[in-house]
Protein backbone atom coordinates (compact mmCIF):
# COMPACT_ATOMS: atom_id res chain seq x y z
CA UNK A 1 -6.17 15.38 18.92
CA UNK A 2 -6.88 12.07 19.99
CA UNK A 3 -3.56 9.90 19.52
CA UNK A 4 -4.68 6.46 20.75
CA UNK A 5 -2.98 3.40 19.31
CA UNK A 6 -6.71 1.83 19.06
CA UNK A 7 -7.61 4.74 17.21
CA UNK A 8 -4.56 5.53 14.23
CA UNK A 9 -1.95 3.00 13.27
CA UNK A 10 1.28 3.57 10.92
CA UNK A 11 2.23 0.87 8.96
CA UNK A 12 6.06 1.76 7.74
CA UNK A 13 7.22 -0.34 4.65
CA UNK A 14 10.94 0.56 4.90
CA UNK A 15 14.18 -0.13 2.78
CA UNK A 16 17.05 2.34 4.41
CA UNK A 17 15.60 5.32 4.45
CA UNK A 18 15.63 7.82 7.19
CA UNK A 19 12.21 7.75 9.92
CA UNK A 20 13.26 10.55 12.20
CA UNK A 21 10.19 12.29 10.34
CA UNK A 22 8.17 9.94 12.54
CA UNK A 23 8.66 11.59 15.68
CA UNK A 24 6.81 14.30 14.59
CA UNK A 25 3.89 12.39 13.20
CA UNK A 26 4.08 11.19 16.62
CA UNK A 27 0.72 8.13 15.92
CA UNK A 28 2.08 4.83 17.20
CA UNK A 29 3.61 2.91 14.57
CA UNK A 30 4.75 -0.22 13.09
CA UNK A 31 7.84 -0.75 10.93
CA UNK A 32 8.87 -3.19 8.43
CA UNK A 33 12.58 -3.45 8.06
CA UNK A 34 13.64 -5.02 5.00
CA UNK A 35 16.94 -3.61 4.38
CA UNK A 36 21.30 -4.26 5.73
CA UNK A 37 20.56 -1.50 8.22
CA UNK A 38 17.33 -1.17 10.98
CA UNK A 39 16.06 0.88 13.38
CA UNK A 40 14.70 -0.04 17.03
CA UNK A 41 11.76 -1.75 16.74
CA UNK A 42 11.80 -2.79 13.47
CA UNK A 43 10.16 -6.43 11.92
CA UNK A 44 12.72 -7.47 9.70
CA UNK A 45 11.00 -9.21 6.17
CA UNK A 46 12.51 -10.67 3.13
CA UNK A 47 13.48 -7.81 0.76
CA UNK A 48 10.99 -9.33 -1.95
CA UNK A 49 7.63 -7.85 -3.15
CA UNK A 50 7.50 -4.31 -3.16
CA UNK A 51 5.37 -2.57 0.16
CA UNK A 52 2.76 -4.48 -0.87
CA UNK A 53 4.23 -7.54 0.31
CA UNK A 54 4.97 -5.76 3.84
CA UNK A 55 1.18 -4.25 3.83
CA UNK A 56 -0.06 -8.03 2.98
CA UNK A 57 1.78 -9.62 5.70
CA UNK A 58 0.99 -6.74 8.74
CA UNK A 59 -2.74 -7.14 7.23
CA UNK A 60 -2.63 -10.85 7.55
CA UNK A 61 -0.43 -11.39 10.96
CA UNK A 62 -2.87 -8.57 12.65
CA UNK A 63 -6.52 -9.60 11.22
CA UNK A 64 -8.72 -8.45 12.58
CA UNK A 65 -6.97 -6.68 15.29
CA UNK A 66 -6.55 -3.16 13.68
CA UNK A 67 -6.51 -0.19 15.04
CA UNK A 68 -10.05 2.32 13.71
CA UNK A 69 -7.32 3.80 10.96
CA UNK A 70 -4.33 1.86 9.45
CA UNK A 71 -1.87 4.50 7.31
CA UNK A 72 -0.09 2.44 5.20
CA UNK A 73 3.46 4.61 4.15
CA UNK A 74 6.20 4.00 2.44
CA UNK A 75 9.52 4.90 4.43
CA UNK A 76 10.46 8.12 2.19
CA UNK A 77 6.39 8.99 1.73
CA UNK A 78 6.73 12.64 0.80
CA UNK A 79 8.20 12.85 -2.64
CA UNK A 80 4.59 11.78 -3.78
CA UNK A 81 2.30 13.96 -1.69
CA UNK A 82 1.28 17.76 -2.30
CA UNK A 83 4.07 20.18 -2.99
CA UNK A 84 5.26 20.85 0.49
CA UNK A 85 4.36 17.77 2.69
CA UNK A 86 6.22 17.05 5.76
CA UNK A 87 5.59 15.34 8.46
CA UNK A 88 3.88 18.05 10.18
CA UNK A 89 1.30 18.04 7.09
CA UNK A 90 1.43 14.34 7.34
CA UNK A 91 0.30 14.46 10.43
CA UNK A 92 -2.83 17.29 10.23
CA UNK A 93 -4.54 15.44 6.52
CA UNK A 94 -4.34 12.10 9.54
CA UNK A 95 -6.31 13.96 11.92
CA UNK A 96 -8.46 15.48 9.22
CA UNK A 97 -9.56 11.97 7.40
CA UNK A 98 -10.17 10.66 11.29
CA UNK A 99 -12.36 13.79 12.21
CA UNK A 100 -14.10 13.31 8.65
CA UNK A 101 -14.61 9.26 8.95
CA UNK A 102 -13.10 9.11 5.37
CA UNK A 103 -13.26 5.03 4.87
CA UNK A 104 -10.02 5.19 2.39
CA UNK A 105 -7.80 7.86 1.14
CA UNK A 106 -5.05 8.18 -1.22
CA UNK A 107 -2.06 9.99 0.00
CA UNK A 108 -0.32 10.86 -3.30
CA UNK A 109 -1.05 14.09 -4.93
CA UNK A 110 -2.34 12.08 -8.09
CA UNK A 111 -4.49 9.62 -9.33
CA UNK A 112 -3.85 7.34 -12.27
CA UNK A 113 -6.22 5.99 -14.85
CA UNK A 114 -5.30 2.76 -16.76
CA UNK A 115 -6.21 -0.16 -18.85
CA UNK A 116 -5.74 -4.44 -17.82
CA UNK A 117 -2.18 -4.05 -18.63
CA UNK A 118 -1.53 -1.08 -16.88
CA UNK A 119 -0.92 1.42 -19.48
CA UNK A 120 -0.40 4.26 -19.89
CA UNK A 121 2.43 3.45 -17.10
CA UNK A 122 6.61 4.54 -17.07
CA UNK A 123 7.92 0.28 -16.69
CA UNK A 124 10.20 1.07 -20.27
CA UNK A 125 11.62 4.06 -18.58
CA UNK A 126 15.22 4.14 -19.71
CA UNK A 127 16.82 5.72 -16.70
CA UNK A 128 15.10 3.08 -14.63
CA UNK A 129 16.59 0.00 -17.05
CA UNK A 130 18.44 -3.24 -15.26
CA UNK A 131 16.31 -1.43 -11.66
CA UNK A 132 14.01 -4.63 -11.08
CA UNK A 133 13.74 -7.50 -13.33
CA UNK A 134 9.79 -6.07 -14.67
CA UNK A 135 11.70 -3.45 -16.31
CA UNK A 136 10.14 -2.98 -19.88
CA UNK A 137 7.02 -4.93 -19.01
CA UNK A 138 3.08 -4.22 -18.86
CA UNK A 139 1.79 -4.42 -15.58
CA UNK A 140 -0.82 -7.10 -15.11
CA UNK A 141 -3.48 -4.88 -13.16
CA UNK A 142 -6.19 -7.09 -14.61
CA UNK A 143 -4.41 -10.61 -14.47
CA UNK A 144 -4.53 -10.14 -10.56
CA UNK A 145 -7.68 -8.51 -10.69
CA UNK A 146 -9.26 -11.55 -11.54
CA UNK A 147 -7.09 -14.27 -9.35
CA UNK A 148 -8.04 -11.81 -6.22
CA UNK A 149 -11.78 -11.47 -6.78
CA UNK A 150 -12.28 -14.56 -8.77
CA UNK A 151 -14.23 -12.09 -12.24
CA UNK A 152 -13.62 -10.87 -15.21
CA UNK A 153 -11.48 -7.57 -14.90
CA UNK A 154 -12.78 -4.11 -15.14
CA UNK A 155 -11.57 -2.76 -18.91
CA UNK A 156 -10.09 0.48 -16.75
CA UNK A 157 -9.34 1.48 -13.11
CA UNK A 158 -8.73 5.05 -11.72
CA UNK A 159 -6.00 4.00 -8.97
CA UNK A 160 -6.21 6.66 -6.33
CA UNK A 161 -4.21 4.84 -3.99
CA UNK A 162 -1.05 5.05 -6.26
CA UNK A 163 2.40 4.83 -4.93
CA UNK A 164 1.19 2.71 -1.90
CA UNK A 165 0.31 5.81 0.25
CA UNK A 166 -2.79 5.44 1.78
CA UNK A 167 -5.30 5.61 5.18
CA UNK A 168 -8.33 2.58 5.34
CA UNK A 169 -10.71 2.27 7.95
CA UNK A 170 -10.80 -1.13 9.95
CA UNK A 171 -13.98 -2.31 8.60
CA UNK A 172 -12.94 -1.63 5.17
CA UNK A 173 -9.71 -4.12 5.96
CA UNK A 174 -12.60 -6.27 7.09
CA UNK A 175 -15.15 -6.38 4.64
CA UNK A 176 -12.48 -8.83 3.07
CA UNK A 177 -11.75 -12.24 4.74
CA UNK A 178 -8.40 -13.05 6.26
CA UNK A 179 -8.04 -16.14 3.29
CA UNK A 180 -8.39 -13.33 0.89
CA UNK A 181 -5.15 -11.86 1.95
CA UNK A 182 -3.85 -14.54 1.60
CA UNK A 183 -4.54 -15.43 -1.28
CA UNK A 184 -3.11 -11.27 -2.28
CA UNK A 185 0.53 -12.68 -0.17
CA UNK A 186 0.79 -15.95 -1.99
CA UNK A 187 0.55 -13.84 -5.43
CA UNK A 188 3.59 -11.22 -4.15
CA UNK A 189 5.32 -14.46 -3.02
CA UNK A 190 5.06 -16.69 -6.21
CA UNK A 191 6.68 -13.21 -7.84
CA UNK A 192 9.20 -12.38 -5.08
CA UNK A 193 11.52 -10.09 -7.38
CA UNK A 194 8.69 -8.41 -8.93
CA UNK A 195 9.86 -9.80 -12.73
CA UNK A 196 6.20 -9.68 -13.54
CA UNK A 197 5.36 -6.95 -11.59
CA UNK A 198 2.96 -8.42 -9.41
CA UNK A 199 3.66 -5.94 -7.19
CA UNK A 200 3.33 -2.65 -9.15
CA UNK A 201 -0.22 -4.04 -10.06
CA UNK A 202 -1.33 -3.75 -6.52
CA UNK A 203 -0.28 -0.17 -6.68
CA UNK A 204 -3.71 0.34 -9.14
CA UNK A 205 -5.76 -2.28 -6.87
CA UNK A 206 -5.98 -1.25 -3.33
CA UNK A 207 -8.59 1.32 -3.96
CA UNK A 208 -10.77 -1.65 -5.13
CA UNK A 209 -9.38 -4.30 -2.09
CA UNK A 210 -10.76 -1.34 0.37
CA UNK A 211 -13.90 -0.21 -0.97
CA UNK A 212 -15.97 -1.82 1.04
CA UNK A 213 -18.29 -3.95 -1.51
CA UNK A 214 -18.92 -7.30 -0.34
CA UNK A 215 -20.39 -8.32 -3.76
CA UNK A 216 -17.09 -8.85 -5.20
CA UNK A 217 -16.02 -10.89 -2.37
CA UNK A 218 -14.43 -14.40 -4.36
């Protein structure tokens, strides 16, 4: 199995999670830390914009020097992956995706279908009330799409990069110019505490951002 840092790199969005699982995955990683506790070698970021802020920050800072495959992960990824997923199965899944040369792959066990307002969604779940400023509001998937791509939004979206867990090939990242990712980052920074659910919208848009279509570049 090739473990060259030129082949695969993990980008981890951490708040306070235990990252000991990275030792089993063993691919080179860059950790962005937003919590009060840190880990050795982590890059500190302000605690804004959900994982979308972390991922877009990484892309903007690294462009165009990416590994052949970049794996974007939250600090505790396994809850949303296939039943029984752990660091070993994640490493095996990455190996398989690289071997098959898959350009984009969501790593959550499910996909989501939604409209321009992110519906159906669970933003009004009473158990989550008060956890973030955007609670009870819709998700502006269509509006964020239109601002990113400067074109009318589709009426429906099928999100295959849900929960911010996905793997993307370098050429798919480079399909969009640096300015595109800078614009995305500016949208996140304009809603730093996700009061309008901008960060949530990106969870429904990663598969379009990395679909390889230059036709829809703004």
